[in-house]
């Protein structure tokens, strides 16, 4: 037995179309997410520098490697870099 199909009313269809267009406009005008985060810690400066190319994309670029110190600021615990958002 065939089930009859229900048609959406003209108002409901128009409302869904308006919502779809509005959503597309909002997404199209949205700015990219802000990256600006610190990379994971690397045990040596050489490993840190070797990892930097993996963080290059159309939206982000890595900064220079720098030492990370313990909470007392007396001992280097690793090396990291900042990943910046490109504008």
Protein backbone atom coordinates (compact mmCIF):
# COMPACT_ATOMS: atom_id res chain seq x y z
CA UNK A 1 0.00 0.00 0.00
CA UNK A 2 1.38 3.40 -0.94
CA UNK A 3 1.60 6.09 1.72
CA UNK A 4 0.46 9.49 0.57
CA UNK A 5 3.17 12.14 0.70
CA UNK A 6 2.56 15.27 2.65
CA UNK A 7 3.62 18.54 1.16
CA UNK A 8 4.99 21.28 3.31
CA UNK A 9 2.91 24.39 3.32
CA UNK A 10 4.10 27.38 1.32
CA UNK A 11 4.89 29.32 4.50
CA UNK A 12 6.95 26.50 5.99
CA UNK A 13 8.92 26.05 2.78
CA UNK A 14 9.60 29.77 2.53
CA UNK A 15 10.71 29.89 6.15
CA UNK A 16 13.11 26.98 5.66
CA UNK A 17 14.55 28.65 2.58
CA UNK A 18 15.07 31.92 4.45
CA UNK A 19 16.81 30.11 7.30
CA UNK A 20 19.13 28.32 4.85
CA UNK A 21 20.05 31.58 3.10
CA UNK A 22 20.63 33.38 6.40
CA UNK A 23 22.85 30.55 7.64
CA UNK A 24 24.90 30.68 4.45
CA UNK A 25 25.38 34.44 4.81
CA UNK A 26 26.48 34.08 8.43
CA UNK A 27 28.98 31.32 7.61
CA UNK A 28 30.26 33.15 4.56
CA UNK A 29 30.98 36.34 6.48
CA UNK A 30 32.47 34.66 9.57
CA UNK A 31 36.09 35.37 10.37
CA UNK A 32 38.49 32.47 10.87
CA UNK A 33 38.96 31.02 14.32
CA UNK A 34 41.76 32.56 16.30
CA UNK A 35 44.66 30.14 16.68
CA UNK A 36 47.40 31.79 18.76
CA UNK A 37 48.29 28.77 20.84
CA UNK A 38 51.49 27.27 22.22
CA UNK A 39 52.87 24.14 20.61
CA UNK A 40 53.60 20.99 22.64
CA UNK A 41 56.90 20.89 24.54
CA UNK A 42 59.90 19.44 22.74
CA UNK A 43 62.91 18.09 24.61
CA UNK A 44 65.54 19.83 22.46
CA UNK A 45 65.77 22.97 20.38
CA UNK A 46 66.52 20.84 17.29
CA UNK A 47 63.28 18.86 17.71
CA UNK A 48 61.36 22.10 18.21
CA UNK A 49 62.77 23.63 15.01
CA UNK A 50 62.08 20.40 13.10
CA UNK A 51 58.41 20.45 14.18
CA UNK A 52 57.70 24.04 13.10
CA UNK A 53 57.02 23.27 9.38
CA UNK A 54 54.14 20.98 10.40
CA UNK A 55 52.28 24.00 11.81
CA UNK A 56 52.34 26.08 8.62
CA UNK A 57 48.92 26.35 6.94
CA UNK A 58 46.82 28.91 5.10
CA UNK A 59 45.49 30.12 8.48
CA UNK A 60 48.48 29.72 10.80
CA UNK A 61 52.22 30.30 10.94
CA UNK A 62 54.66 29.25 13.68
CA UNK A 63 56.84 31.67 15.58
CA UNK A 64 60.42 31.04 16.70
CA UNK A 65 61.28 28.36 19.27
CA UNK A 66 61.99 29.52 22.81
CA UNK A 67 62.87 27.80 26.10
CA UNK A 68 60.12 26.96 28.60
CA UNK A 69 61.10 27.14 32.27
CA UNK A 70 59.78 25.40 35.39
CA UNK A 71 57.46 27.28 37.75
CA UNK A 72 60.40 28.69 39.70
CA UNK A 73 61.99 29.94 36.49
CA UNK A 74 65.28 28.21 37.22
CA UNK A 75 65.39 25.19 34.89
CA UNK A 76 64.56 24.71 31.20
CA UNK A 77 61.92 21.97 30.91
CA UNK A 78 61.57 22.01 27.13
CA UNK A 79 61.19 24.17 24.05
CA UNK A 80 58.03 25.47 22.37
CA UNK A 81 56.79 28.07 19.89
CA UNK A 82 53.63 30.09 19.38
CA UNK A 83 51.33 29.38 16.47
CA UNK A 84 49.87 32.63 15.13
CA UNK A 85 46.74 33.31 13.10
CA UNK A 86 47.38 34.84 9.67
CA UNK A 87 45.14 37.75 8.76
